[in-house]
PDB file of N, CA and C in Angstrom:
ATOM      1  N   MET A   1       3.998  -6.336 -25.748  1.00  0.00           N
ATOM      2  CA  MET A   1       3.616  -4.793 -25.220  1.00  0.00           C
ATOM      3  C   MET A   1       4.005  -4.789 -23.385  1.00  0.00           C
ATOM      4  N   LEU A   2       3.415  -5.594 -22.477  1.00  0.00           N
ATOM      5  CA  LEU A   2       3.462  -5.568 -21.570  1.00  0.00           C
ATOM      6  C   LEU A   2       4.539  -6.156 -20.873  1.00  0.00           C
ATOM      7  N   GLU A   3       5.373  -7.141 -21.542  1.00  0.00           N
ATOM      8  CA  GLU A   3       6.043  -8.326 -20.899  1.00  0.00           C
ATOM      9  C   GLU A   3       7.533  -7.457 -20.050  1.00  0.00           C
ATOM     10  N   GLY A   4       7.391  -6.040 -20.984  1.00  0.00           N
ATOM     11  CA  GLY A   4       8.843  -5.262 -19.974  1.00  0.00           C
ATOM     12  C   GLY A   4       8.223  -5.040 -18.930  1.00  0.00           C
ATOM     13  N   LEU A   5       6.759  -4.529 -19.165  1.00  0.00           N
ATOM     14  CA  LEU A   5       6.593  -3.809 -17.436  1.00  0.00           C
ATOM     15  C   LEU A   5       6.956  -4.818 -16.156  1.00  0.00           C
ATOM     16  N   PHE A   6       5.992  -5.744 -16.515  1.00  0.00           N
ATOM     17  CA  PHE A   6       5.575  -6.943 -15.215  1.00  0.00           C
ATOM     18  C   PHE A   6       6.972  -7.479 -15.020  1.00  0.00           C
ATOM     19  N   ASP A   7       8.601  -7.106 -15.591  1.00  0.00           N
ATOM     20  CA  ASP A   7      10.106  -7.677 -15.014  1.00  0.00           C
ATOM     21  C   ASP A   7      10.607  -6.664 -14.013  1.00  0.00           C
ATOM     22  N   ILE A   8       9.865  -7.205 -13.221  1.00  0.00           N
ATOM     23  CA  ILE A   8      10.142  -6.761 -12.061  1.00  0.00           C
ATOM     24  C   ILE A   8      11.204  -6.521 -11.579  1.00  0.00           C
ATOM     25  N   ARG A   9      11.961  -8.155 -11.754  1.00  0.00           N
ATOM     26  CA  ARG A   9      13.199  -8.260 -11.221  1.00  0.00           C
ATOM     27  C   ARG A   9      14.384  -7.426 -12.120  1.00  0.00           C
ATOM     28  N   ASN A  10      14.202  -6.467 -13.407  1.00  0.00           N
ATOM     29  CA  ASN A  10      14.985  -6.153 -14.156  1.00  0.00           C
ATOM     30  C   ASN A  10      15.151  -4.935 -14.467  1.00  0.00           C
ATOM     31  N   ASP A  11      13.087  -4.386 -14.165  1.00  0.00           N
ATOM     32  CA  ASP A  11      13.026  -2.902 -14.345  1.00  0.00           C
ATOM     33  C   ASP A  11      12.392  -1.972 -13.413  1.00  0.00           C
ATOM     34  N   ARG A  12      12.225  -0.996 -13.320  1.00  0.00           N
ATOM     35  CA  ARG A  12      11.599  -0.517 -12.014  1.00  0.00           C
ATOM     36  C   ARG A  12      10.270  -0.099 -11.869  1.00  0.00           C
ATOM     37  N   ARG A  13      10.097  -0.153 -14.069  1.00  0.00           N
ATOM     38  CA  ARG A  13       8.683   1.181 -13.945  1.00  0.00           C
ATOM     39  C   ARG A  13       7.126   0.670 -13.486  1.00  0.00           C
ATOM     40  N   LEU A  14       7.380  -0.861 -13.147  1.00  0.00           N
ATOM     41  CA  LEU A  14       5.324  -0.569 -12.187  1.00  0.00           C
ATOM     42  C   LEU A  14       5.939  -0.492 -10.618  1.00  0.00           C
ATOM     43  N   SER A  15       6.642  -0.416  -9.968  1.00  0.00           N
ATOM     44  CA  SER A  15       7.052  -0.497  -8.815  1.00  0.00           C
ATOM     45  C   SER A  15       7.107   1.772  -8.959  1.00  0.00           C
ATOM     46  N   VAL A  16       7.092   2.256 -10.055  1.00  0.00           N
ATOM     47  CA  VAL A  16       7.019   3.449 -10.823  1.00  0.00           C
ATOM     48  C   VAL A  16       5.659   3.763 -10.316  1.00  0.00           C
ATOM     49  N   TYR A  17       5.231   3.144 -11.176  1.00  0.00           N
ATOM     50  CA  TYR A  17       3.440   3.405 -12.143  1.00  0.00           C
ATOM     51  C   TYR A  17       3.065   3.162 -10.458  1.00  0.00           C
ATOM     52  N   LEU A  18       2.883   2.044  -9.735  1.00  0.00           N
ATOM     53  CA  LEU A  18       2.426   1.656  -8.938  1.00  0.00           C
ATOM     54  C   LEU A  18       2.394   3.185  -7.899  1.00  0.00           C
ATOM     55  N   TYR A  19       3.242   3.534  -7.320  1.00  0.00           N
ATOM     56  CA  TYR A  19       3.934   4.557  -6.592  1.00  0.00           C
ATOM     57  C   TYR A  19       3.236   5.721  -6.805  1.00  0.00           C
ATOM     58  N   ARG A  20       2.779   6.108  -8.010  1.00  0.00           N
ATOM     59  CA  ARG A  20       2.304   7.525  -8.836  1.00  0.00           C
ATOM     60  C   ARG A  20       0.932   7.645  -8.284  1.00  0.00           C
ATOM     61  N   MET A  21       0.617   6.229  -9.154  1.00  0.00           N
ATOM     62  CA  MET A  21      -0.982   5.907  -8.560  1.00  0.00           C
ATOM     63  C   MET A  21      -1.610   6.075  -7.345  1.00  0.00           C
ATOM     64  N   GLY A  22      -0.727   5.892  -6.812  1.00  0.00           N
ATOM     65  CA  GLY A  22      -0.993   5.782  -5.147  1.00  0.00           C
ATOM     66  C   GLY A  22      -0.910   7.550  -4.920  1.00  0.00           C
ATOM     67  N   PHE A  23      -0.063   7.673  -5.251  1.00  0.00           N
ATOM     68  CA  PHE A  23       0.438   9.093  -4.919  1.00  0.00           C
ATOM     69  C   PHE A  23      -0.845  10.357  -4.915  1.00  0.00           C
ATOM     70  N   GLY A  24      -1.335   9.815  -6.457  1.00  0.00           N
ATOM     71  CA  GLY A  24      -2.603  10.821  -7.205  1.00  0.00           C
ATOM     72  C   GLY A  24      -3.874  10.108  -6.567  1.00  0.00           C
ATOM     73  N   MET A  25      -3.857   8.827  -5.806  1.00  0.00           N
ATOM     74  CA  MET A  25      -5.379   8.669  -5.347  1.00  0.00           C
ATOM     75  C   MET A  25      -5.003   9.656  -3.571  1.00  0.00           C
ATOM     76  N   TRP A  26      -3.885  10.028  -3.121  1.00  0.00           N
ATOM     77  CA  TRP A  26      -3.779  10.499  -1.674  1.00  0.00           C
ATOM     78  C   TRP A  26      -4.248  12.204  -2.189  1.00  0.00           C
ATOM     79  N   LEU A  27      -3.991  12.361  -3.399  1.00  0.00           N
ATOM     80  CA  LEU A  27      -3.812  13.547  -3.760  1.00  0.00           C
ATOM     81  C   LEU A  27      -5.294  13.656  -4.099  1.00  0.00           C
ATOM     82  N   LEU A  28      -6.350  12.724  -4.590  1.00  0.00           N
ATOM     83  CA  LEU A  28      -7.419  12.460  -4.751  1.00  0.00           C
ATOM     84  C   LEU A  28      -8.714  12.816  -3.581  1.00  0.00           C
ATOM     85  N   TYR A  29      -8.053  11.558  -2.297  1.00  0.00           N
ATOM     86  CA  TYR A  29      -8.593  11.381  -1.002  1.00  0.00           C
ATOM     87  C   TYR A  29      -7.874  12.892  -0.400  1.00  0.00           C
ATOM     88  N   LEU A  30      -7.346  14.005  -0.542  1.00  0.00           N
ATOM     89  CA  LEU A  30      -6.653  15.513  -0.503  1.00  0.00           C
ATOM     90  C   LEU A  30      -8.384  15.884  -0.324  1.00  0.00           C
ATOM     91  N   VAL A  31      -8.284  16.150  -1.677  1.00  0.00           N
ATOM     92  CA  VAL A  31      -9.603  16.826  -2.784  1.00  0.00           C
ATOM     93  C   VAL A  31     -11.219  16.526  -2.022  1.00  0.00           C
ATOM     94  N   LEU A  32     -10.816  15.246  -1.825  1.00  0.00           N
ATOM     95  CA  LEU A  32     -12.498  14.592  -1.520  1.00  0.00           C
ATOM     96  C   LEU A  32     -12.773  15.319  -0.377  1.00  0.00           C
ATOM     97  N   GLY A  33     -12.024  15.498   0.587  1.00  0.00           N
ATOM     98  CA  GLY A  33     -12.453  16.442   2.131  1.00  0.00           C
ATOM     99  C   GLY A  33     -12.514  17.756   1.730  1.00  0.00           C
ATOM    100  N   ALA A  34     -12.850  18.670   0.564  1.00  0.00           N
ATOM    101  CA  ALA A  34     -12.996  20.031   0.278  1.00  0.00           C
ATOM    102  C   ALA A  34     -14.472  19.975   0.886  1.00  0.00           C
ATOM    103  N   PRO A  35     -15.120  21.285   1.341  1.00  0.00           N
ATOM    104  CA  PRO A  35     -16.891  21.449   1.669  1.00  0.00           C
ATOM    105  C   PRO A  35     -17.396  21.274  -0.127  1.00  0.00           C
ATOM    106  N   ALA A  36     -16.958  22.079  -1.040  1.00  0.00           N
ATOM    107  CA  ALA A  36     -17.114  21.538  -2.708  1.00  0.00           C
ATOM    108  C   ALA A  36     -17.939  20.035  -2.934  1.00  0.00           C
ATOM    109  N   LEU A  37     -16.948  19.202  -2.608  1.00  0.00           N
ATOM    110  CA  LEU A  37     -17.566  18.549  -3.152  1.00  0.00           C
ATOM    111  C   LEU A  37     -18.298  16.879  -2.333  1.00  0.00           C
ATOM    112  N   HIS A  38     -18.927  17.610  -1.341  1.00  0.00           N
ATOM    113  CA  HIS A  38     -19.090  16.924  -0.097  1.00  0.00           C
ATOM    114  C   HIS A  38     -20.119  15.862  -0.705  1.00  0.00           C
ATOM    115  N   ALA A  39     -21.181  15.811  -1.637  1.00  0.00           N
ATOM    116  CA  ALA A  39     -21.512  14.642  -2.574  1.00  0.00           C
ATOM    117  C   ALA A  39     -20.769  13.728  -3.014  1.00  0.00           C
ATOM    118  N   TYR A  40     -19.670  13.379  -2.799  1.00  0.00           N
ATOM    119  CA  TYR A  40     -18.395  12.056  -2.950  1.00  0.00           C
ATOM    120  C   TYR A  40     -17.532  11.988  -1.779  1.00  0.00           C
ATOM    121  N   ALA A  41     -18.864  12.786  -0.616  1.00  0.00           N
ATOM    122  CA  ALA A  41     -16.938  12.919   0.327  1.00  0.00           C
ATOM    123  C   ALA A  41     -17.177  10.919   0.642  1.00  0.00           C
ATOM    124  N   HIS A  42     -17.970   9.818   0.271  1.00  0.00           N
ATOM    125  CA  HIS A  42     -17.986   8.491   1.136  1.00  0.00           C
ATOM    126  C   HIS A  42     -17.525   8.184   0.062  1.00  0.00           C
ATOM    127  N   TYR A  43     -16.447   8.175  -0.741  1.00  0.00           N
ATOM    128  CA  TYR A  43     -15.628   7.872  -2.057  1.00  0.00           C
ATOM    129  C   TYR A  43     -13.972   8.242  -0.782  1.00  0.00           C
ATOM    130  N   ARG A  44     -13.623   9.263   0.054  1.00  0.00           N
ATOM    131  CA  ARG A  44     -12.654   9.650   0.375  1.00  0.00           C
ATOM    132  C   ARG A  44     -11.715   8.457   1.126  1.00  0.00           C
ATOM    133  N   GLN A  45     -12.954   7.724   2.195  1.00  0.00           N
ATOM    134  CA  GLN A  45     -11.790   6.243   3.103  1.00  0.00           C
ATOM    135  C   GLN A  45     -11.509   5.775   1.625  1.00  0.00           C
ATOM    136  N   ASP A  46     -12.435   5.152   0.708  1.00  0.00           N
ATOM    137  CA  ASP A  46     -11.510   3.818  -0.310  1.00  0.00           C
ATOM    138  C   ASP A  46     -10.000   4.945  -0.764  1.00  0.00           C
ATOM    139  N   CYS A  47     -10.713   5.632  -1.339  1.00  0.00           N
ATOM    140  CA  CYS A  47      -9.101   6.891  -1.423  1.00  0.00           C
ATOM    141  C   CYS A  47      -7.950   6.704  -1.304  1.00  0.00           C
ATOM    142  N   GLY A  48      -8.228   6.817   0.264  1.00  0.00           N
ATOM    143  CA  GLY A  48      -7.608   6.977   1.088  1.00  0.00           C
ATOM    144  C   GLY A  48      -6.593   5.006   1.454  1.00  0.00           C
ATOM    145  N   VAL A  49      -7.470   4.392   1.111  1.00  0.00           N
ATOM    146  CA  VAL A  49      -7.322   2.889   2.013  1.00  0.00           C
ATOM    147  C   VAL A  49      -6.059   2.215   0.595  1.00  0.00           C
ATOM    148  N   LEU A  50      -7.232   2.962  -0.360  1.00  0.00           N
ATOM    149  CA  LEU A  50      -6.317   2.278  -2.206  1.00  0.00           C
ATOM    150  C   LEU A  50      -4.854   2.686  -2.447  1.00  0.00           C
ATOM    151  N   SER A  51      -5.329   4.147  -2.161  1.00  0.00           N
ATOM    152  CA  SER A  51      -2.874   5.140  -2.077  1.00  0.00           C
ATOM    153  C   SER A  51      -2.287   4.522  -0.917  1.00  0.00           C
ATOM    154  N   PHE A  52      -2.848   3.864   0.298  1.00  0.00           N
ATOM    155  CA  PHE A  52      -1.449   3.352   1.089  1.00  0.00           C
ATOM    156  C   PHE A  52      -1.631   2.417   0.221  1.00  0.00           C
ATOM    157  N   ALA A  53      -2.175   1.192   0.207  1.00  0.00           N
ATOM    158  CA  ALA A  53      -2.072   0.078  -1.023  1.00  0.00           C
ATOM    159  C   ALA A  53      -1.331   0.095  -1.589  1.00  0.00           C
ATOM    160  N   MET A  54      -1.795   0.879  -2.623  1.00  0.00           N
ATOM    161  CA  MET A  54      -0.138   1.403  -4.261  1.00  0.00           C
ATOM    162  C   MET A  54       0.783   1.709  -3.516  1.00  0.00           C
ATOM    163  N   MET A  55       0.498   2.303  -2.080  1.00  0.00           N
ATOM    164  CA  MET A  55       2.075   2.551  -2.253  1.00  0.00           C
ATOM    165  C   MET A  55       3.388   1.398  -1.531  1.00  0.00           C
ATOM    166  N   ILE A  56       2.158   0.552  -0.648  1.00  0.00           N
ATOM    167  CA  ILE A  56       3.174  -0.576  -0.257  1.00  0.00           C
ATOM    168  C   ILE A  56       3.158  -1.134  -1.238  1.00  0.00           C
ATOM    169  N   PHE A  57       2.221  -1.753  -2.273  1.00  0.00           N
ATOM    170  CA  PHE A  57       2.463  -2.573  -3.153  1.00  0.00           C
ATOM    171  C   PHE A  57       3.578  -2.037  -4.346  1.00  0.00           C
ATOM    172  N   GLY A  58       3.546  -1.213  -4.682  1.00  0.00           N
ATOM    173  CA  GLY A  58       4.824  -0.624  -5.562  1.00  0.00           C
ATOM    174  C   GLY A  58       6.327  -0.298  -4.215  1.00  0.00           C
ATOM    175  N   PHE A  59       6.564  -0.142  -3.124  1.00  0.00           N
ATOM    176  CA  PHE A  59       7.473  -0.623  -2.101  1.00  0.00           C
ATOM    177  C   PHE A  59       7.827  -2.086  -2.398  1.00  0.00           C
ATOM    178  N   SER A  60       6.899  -2.462  -2.541  1.00  0.00           N
ATOM    179  CA  SER A  60       7.456  -4.440  -2.715  1.00  0.00           C
ATOM    180  C   SER A  60       7.935  -4.572  -3.712  1.00  0.00           C
ATOM    181  N   ALA A  61       7.306  -4.250  -5.008  1.00  0.00           N
ATOM    182  CA  ALA A  61       7.843  -4.494  -6.210  1.00  0.00           C
ATOM    183  C   ALA A  61       8.734  -3.483  -6.492  1.00  0.00           C
ATOM    184  N   SER A  62       9.260  -2.515  -6.040  1.00  0.00           N
ATOM    185  CA  SER A  62      10.949  -2.090  -6.013  1.00  0.00           C
ATOM    186  C   SER A  62      11.851  -2.966  -4.473  1.00  0.00           C
ATOM    187  N   MET A  63      11.297  -3.735  -4.375  1.00  0.00           N
ATOM    188  CA  MET A  63      11.856  -3.847  -2.917  1.00  0.00           C
ATOM    189  C   MET A  63      12.946  -5.462  -3.913  1.00  0.00           C
ATOM    190  N   VAL A  64      11.868  -5.849  -5.031  1.00  0.00           N
ATOM    191  CA  VAL A  64      12.478  -6.823  -6.251  1.00  0.00           C
ATOM    192  C   VAL A  64      13.604  -7.285  -6.583  1.00  0.00           C
ATOM    193  N   TYR A  65      13.243  -5.420  -7.309  1.00  0.00           N
ATOM    194  CA  TYR A  65      14.482  -5.393  -7.935  1.00  0.00           C
ATOM    195  C   TYR A  65      15.796  -5.027  -7.803  1.00  0.00           C
ATOM    196  N   ASP A  66      16.114  -4.139  -6.018  1.00  0.00           N
ATOM    197  CA  ASP A  66      16.520  -3.815  -5.080  1.00  0.00           C
ATOM    198  C   ASP A  66      17.133  -5.020  -4.493  1.00  0.00           C
ATOM    199  N   TYR A  67      16.178  -6.623  -4.287  1.00  0.00           N
ATOM    200  CA  TYR A  67      16.947  -7.048  -3.810  1.00  0.00           C
ATOM    201  C   TYR A  67      18.101  -8.082  -4.803  1.00  0.00           C
ATOM    202  N   PHE A  68      18.300  -7.437  -5.596  1.00  0.00           N
ATOM    203  CA  PHE A  68      18.956  -8.435  -7.655  1.00  0.00           C
ATOM    204  C   PHE A  68      20.095  -7.162  -7.636  1.00  0.00           C
ATOM    205  N   HIS A  69      19.362  -6.109  -7.512  1.00  0.00           N
ATOM    206  CA  HIS A  69      20.926  -5.395  -8.137  1.00  0.00           C
ATOM    207  C   HIS A  69      21.322  -4.235  -6.743  1.00  0.00           C
ATOM    208  N   HIS A  70      20.910  -4.226  -5.803  1.00  0.00           N
ATOM    209  CA  HIS A  70      21.100  -3.185  -4.907  1.00  0.00           C
ATOM    210  C   HIS A  70      21.092  -3.720  -3.767  1.00  0.00           C
ATOM    211  N   HIS A  71      21.347  -5.207  -3.454  1.00  0.00           N
ATOM    212  CA  HIS A  71      21.087  -5.966  -2.191  1.00  0.00           C
ATOM    213  C   HIS A  71      21.398  -5.321  -0.466  1.00  0.00           C
ATOM    214  N   ASP A  72      22.266  -4.216  -0.563  1.00  0.00           N
ATOM    215  CA  ASP A  72      22.586  -3.757   0.751  1.00  0.00           C
ATOM    216  C   ASP A  72      21.607  -2.541   1.145  1.00  0.00           C
ATOM    217  N   GLN A  73      20.470  -2.173  -0.129  1.00  0.00           N
ATOM    218  CA  GLN A  73      19.344  -1.064   0.212  1.00  0.00           C
ATOM    219  C   GLN A  73      18.550  -2.480   0.680  1.00  0.00           C
ATOM    220  N   TYR A  74      18.357  -3.700   0.201  1.00  0.00           N
ATOM    221  CA  TYR A  74      16.813  -4.146   0.565  1.00  0.00           C
ATOM    222  C   TYR A  74      16.858  -4.357   2.030  1.00  0.00           C
ATOM    223  N   GLU A  75      18.186  -5.001   2.325  1.00  0.00           N
ATOM    224  CA  GLU A  75      18.109  -5.170   3.568  1.00  0.00           C
ATOM    225  C   GLU A  75      17.360  -3.930   4.435  1.00  0.00           C
ATOM    226  N   MET A  76      18.152  -3.337   4.123  1.00  0.00           N
ATOM    227  CA  MET A  76      17.537  -1.750   5.235  1.00  0.00           C
ATOM    228  C   MET A  76      15.898  -1.872   4.597  1.00  0.00           C
ATOM    229  N   LYS A  77      15.173  -2.232   3.260  1.00  0.00           N
ATOM    230  CA  LYS A  77      14.605  -1.708   3.579  1.00  0.00           C
ATOM    231  C   LYS A  77      13.822  -2.611   4.045  1.00  0.00           C
ATOM    232  N   LYS A  78      14.058  -4.274   4.156  1.00  0.00           N
ATOM    233  CA  LYS A  78      13.309  -5.298   4.612  1.00  0.00           C
ATOM    234  C   LYS A  78      12.437  -4.891   5.631  1.00  0.00           C
ATOM    235  N   LYS A  79      12.637  -4.226   6.569  1.00  0.00           N
ATOM    236  CA  LYS A  79      11.644  -3.909   7.789  1.00  0.00           C
ATOM    237  C   LYS A  79      10.723  -3.615   7.678  1.00  0.00           C
ATOM    238  N   TRP A  80      11.331  -2.417   6.919  1.00  0.00           N
ATOM    239  CA  TRP A  80       9.935  -1.269   6.648  1.00  0.00           C
ATOM    240  C   TRP A  80       8.221  -1.655   6.149  1.00  0.00           C
ATOM    241  N   LEU A  81       9.020  -2.749   4.844  1.00  0.00           N
ATOM    242  CA  LEU A  81       8.484  -3.296   4.316  1.00  0.00           C
ATOM    243  C   LEU A  81       7.210  -4.312   5.199  1.00  0.00           C
ATOM    244  N   PHE A  82       8.106  -4.821   6.391  1.00  0.00           N
ATOM    245  CA  PHE A  82       7.249  -5.794   7.474  1.00  0.00           C
ATOM    246  C   PHE A  82       6.224  -4.906   8.024  1.00  0.00           C
ATOM    247  N   ILE A  83       7.120  -3.290   8.104  1.00  0.00           N
ATOM    248  CA  ILE A  83       6.189  -2.807   9.546  1.00  0.00           C
ATOM    249  C   ILE A  83       5.033  -2.191   8.568  1.00  0.00           C
ATOM    250  N   SER A  84       5.472  -1.934   7.635  1.00  0.00           N
ATOM    251  CA  SER A  84       4.139  -1.018   6.299  1.00  0.00           C
ATOM    252  C   SER A  84       2.982  -1.802   6.232  1.00  0.00           C
ATOM    253  N   TYR A  85       3.464  -3.369   6.217  1.00  0.00           N
ATOM    254  CA  TYR A  85       2.541  -4.553   6.196  1.00  0.00           C
ATOM    255  C   TYR A  85       1.566  -4.813   7.376  1.00  0.00           C
ATOM    256  N   VAL A  86       1.642  -4.495   8.778  1.00  0.00           N
ATOM    257  CA  VAL A  86       1.884  -4.848   9.566  1.00  0.00           C
ATOM    258  C   VAL A  86       0.427  -3.531  10.036  1.00  0.00           C
ATOM    259  N   VAL A  87       1.012  -2.421   9.721  1.00  0.00           N
ATOM    260  CA  VAL A  87       0.168  -1.010   9.658  1.00  0.00           C
ATOM    261  C   VAL A  87      -1.248  -1.366   8.828  1.00  0.00           C
ATOM    262  N   LEU A  88      -0.572  -1.753   6.982  1.00  0.00           N
ATOM    263  CA  LEU A  88      -1.945  -2.252   5.854  1.00  0.00           C
ATOM    264  C   LEU A  88      -2.702  -3.133   6.574  1.00  0.00           C
ATOM    265  N   ALA A  89      -2.425  -3.952   7.002  1.00  0.00           N
ATOM    266  CA  ALA A  89      -3.411  -5.347   7.529  1.00  0.00           C
ATOM    267  C   ALA A  89      -4.426  -4.536   9.113  1.00  0.00           C
ATOM    268  N   GLY A  90      -3.953  -3.522   9.890  1.00  0.00           N
ATOM    269  CA  GLY A  90      -4.577  -3.055  10.922  1.00  0.00           C
ATOM    270  C   GLY A  90      -5.355  -2.324  10.623  1.00  0.00           C
ATOM    271  N   VAL A  91      -5.214  -1.098   9.705  1.00  0.00           N
ATOM    272  CA  VAL A  91      -6.650  -0.487   8.972  1.00  0.00           C
ATOM    273  C   VAL A  91      -6.916  -1.310   8.437  1.00  0.00           C
ATOM    274  N   ILE A  92      -6.980  -2.189   7.502  1.00  0.00           N
ATOM    275  CA  ILE A  92      -8.204  -3.021   6.730  1.00  0.00           C
ATOM    276  C   ILE A  92      -8.972  -3.829   8.163  1.00  0.00           C
ATOM    277  N   TYR A  93      -7.783  -4.082   8.789  1.00  0.00           N
ATOM    278  CA  TYR A  93      -9.239  -5.023  10.329  1.00  0.00           C
ATOM    279  C   TYR A  93      -9.812  -3.726  10.346  1.00  0.00           C
ATOM    280  N   PHE A  94      -9.667  -2.637  10.863  1.00  0.00           N
ATOM    281  CA  PHE A  94     -10.953  -1.960  11.561  1.00  0.00           C
ATOM    282  C   PHE A  94     -11.121  -1.154  11.179  1.00  0.00           C
ATOM    283  N   LEU A  95     -10.605  -0.819   9.652  1.00  0.00           N
ATOM    284  CA  LEU A  95     -12.408  -0.281   8.788  1.00  0.00           C
ATOM    285  C   LEU A  95     -13.067  -1.246   8.360  1.00  0.00           C
ATOM    286  N   GLU A  96     -13.011  -2.193   8.160  1.00  0.00           N
ATOM    287  CA  GLU A  96     -13.949  -3.418   7.552  1.00  0.00           C
ATOM    288  C   GLU A  96     -14.301  -4.456   8.457  1.00  0.00           C
ATOM    289  N   PHE A  97     -13.782  -4.998   8.603  1.00  0.00           N
ATOM    290  CA  PHE A  97     -13.524  -6.194  10.178  1.00  0.00           C
ATOM    291  C   PHE A  97     -13.331  -5.864  12.018  1.00  0.00           C
ATOM    292  N   ARG A  98     -13.550  -4.996  12.013  1.00  0.00           N
ATOM    293  CA  ARG A  98     -13.442  -4.857  13.433  1.00  0.00           C
ATOM    294  C   ARG A  98     -15.072  -5.343  14.245  1.00  0.00           C
ATOM    295  N   GLY A  99     -15.401  -5.936  14.888  1.00  0.00           N
ATOM    296  CA  GLY A  99     -16.362  -6.176  15.330  1.00  0.00           C
ATOM    297  C   GLY A  99     -16.713  -7.757  14.522  1.00  0.00           C
ATOM    298  N   LYS A 100     -16.688  -8.232  14.200  1.00  0.00           N
ATOM    299  CA  LYS A 100     -16.707  -9.024  12.650  1.00  0.00           C
ATOM    300  C   LYS A 100     -15.941 -10.746  12.355  1.00  0.00           C
ATOM    301  N   ILE A 101     -14.611 -10.522  12.823  1.00  0.00           N
ATOM    302  CA  ILE A 101     -13.845 -11.228  13.177  1.00  0.00           C
ATOM    303  C   ILE A 101     -13.837 -11.350  14.789  1.00  0.00           C
ATOM    304  N   ASP A 102     -13.562 -12.582  15.541  1.00  0.00           N
ATOM    305  CA  ASP A 102     -12.999 -12.684  16.664  1.00  0.00           C
ATOM    306  C   ASP A 102     -11.233 -12.891  16.995  1.00  0.00           C
ATOM    307  N   LEU A 103     -11.368 -12.011  17.212  1.00  0.00           N
ATOM    308  CA  LEU A 103     -10.174 -12.453  18.055  1.00  0.00           C
ATOM    309  C   LEU A 103      -9.707 -12.764  19.105  1.00  0.00           C
ATOM    310  N   ASN A 104      -9.904 -13.561  19.870  1.00  0.00           N
ATOM    311  CA  ASN A 104      -9.833 -13.729  21.586  1.00  0.00           C
ATOM    312  C   ASN A 104      -8.897 -15.046  21.409  1.00  0.00           C
ATOM    313  N   TRP A 105      -8.632 -16.050  20.051  1.00  0.00           N
ATOM    314  CA  TRP A 105      -7.597 -17.136  19.472  1.00  0.00           C
ATOM    315  C   TRP A 105      -6.160 -16.561  20.094  1.00  0.00           C
ATOM    316  N   LEU A 106      -6.043 -15.166  18.960  1.00  0.00           N
ATOM    317  CA  LEU A 106      -4.058 -14.289  19.335  1.00  0.00           C
ATOM    318  C   LEU A 106      -4.152 -14.271  21.382  1.00  0.00           C
ATOM    319  N   ILE A 107      -5.209 -13.329  21.629  1.00  0.00           N
ATOM    320  CA  ILE A 107      -4.557 -12.865  23.013  1.00  0.00           C
ATOM    321  C   ILE A 107      -4.416 -14.470  23.555  1.00  0.00           C
ATOM    322  N   SER A 108      -4.929 -15.596  22.895  1.00  0.00           N
ATOM    323  CA  SER A 108      -5.083 -16.871  23.563  1.00  0.00           C
ATOM    324  C   SER A 108      -3.343 -17.051  23.317  1.00  0.00           C
ATOM    325  N   LEU A 109      -3.031 -17.033  22.854  1.00  0.00           N
ATOM    326  CA  LEU A 109      -1.718 -17.403  22.051  1.00  0.00           C
ATOM    327  C   LEU A 109      -0.225 -16.229  23.150  1.00  0.00           C
ATOM    328  N   LEU A 110      -0.061 -15.492  23.666  1.00  0.00           N
ATOM    329  CA  LEU A 110       0.001 -14.531  24.596  1.00  0.00           C
ATOM    330  C   LEU A 110       0.556 -15.469  25.893  1.00  0.00           C
TER     331      LEU A 110
END
């Protein structure tokens, strides 16, 4: 049943589903900012990060399809995928690990 869905090399559906779920989480992020839902506002940050992550994973899955079927588009999207992964890593670091991980070793490399 799901064997066709996870064939990201020849089928775009998984990337579309991930992107749509990410967009839905983004809409939920916006709704959770409303004053009427202040009781659930503590989930707002989680929805935002999950939205960002799902959209990046959907973009990554679509890049696999583009690599095999549209190689010129793949080359263009490759740099944006790298930039989005760096931004996602920065967001996760600042939201979850700031102050818990020592990054002085990274400064010493420069």
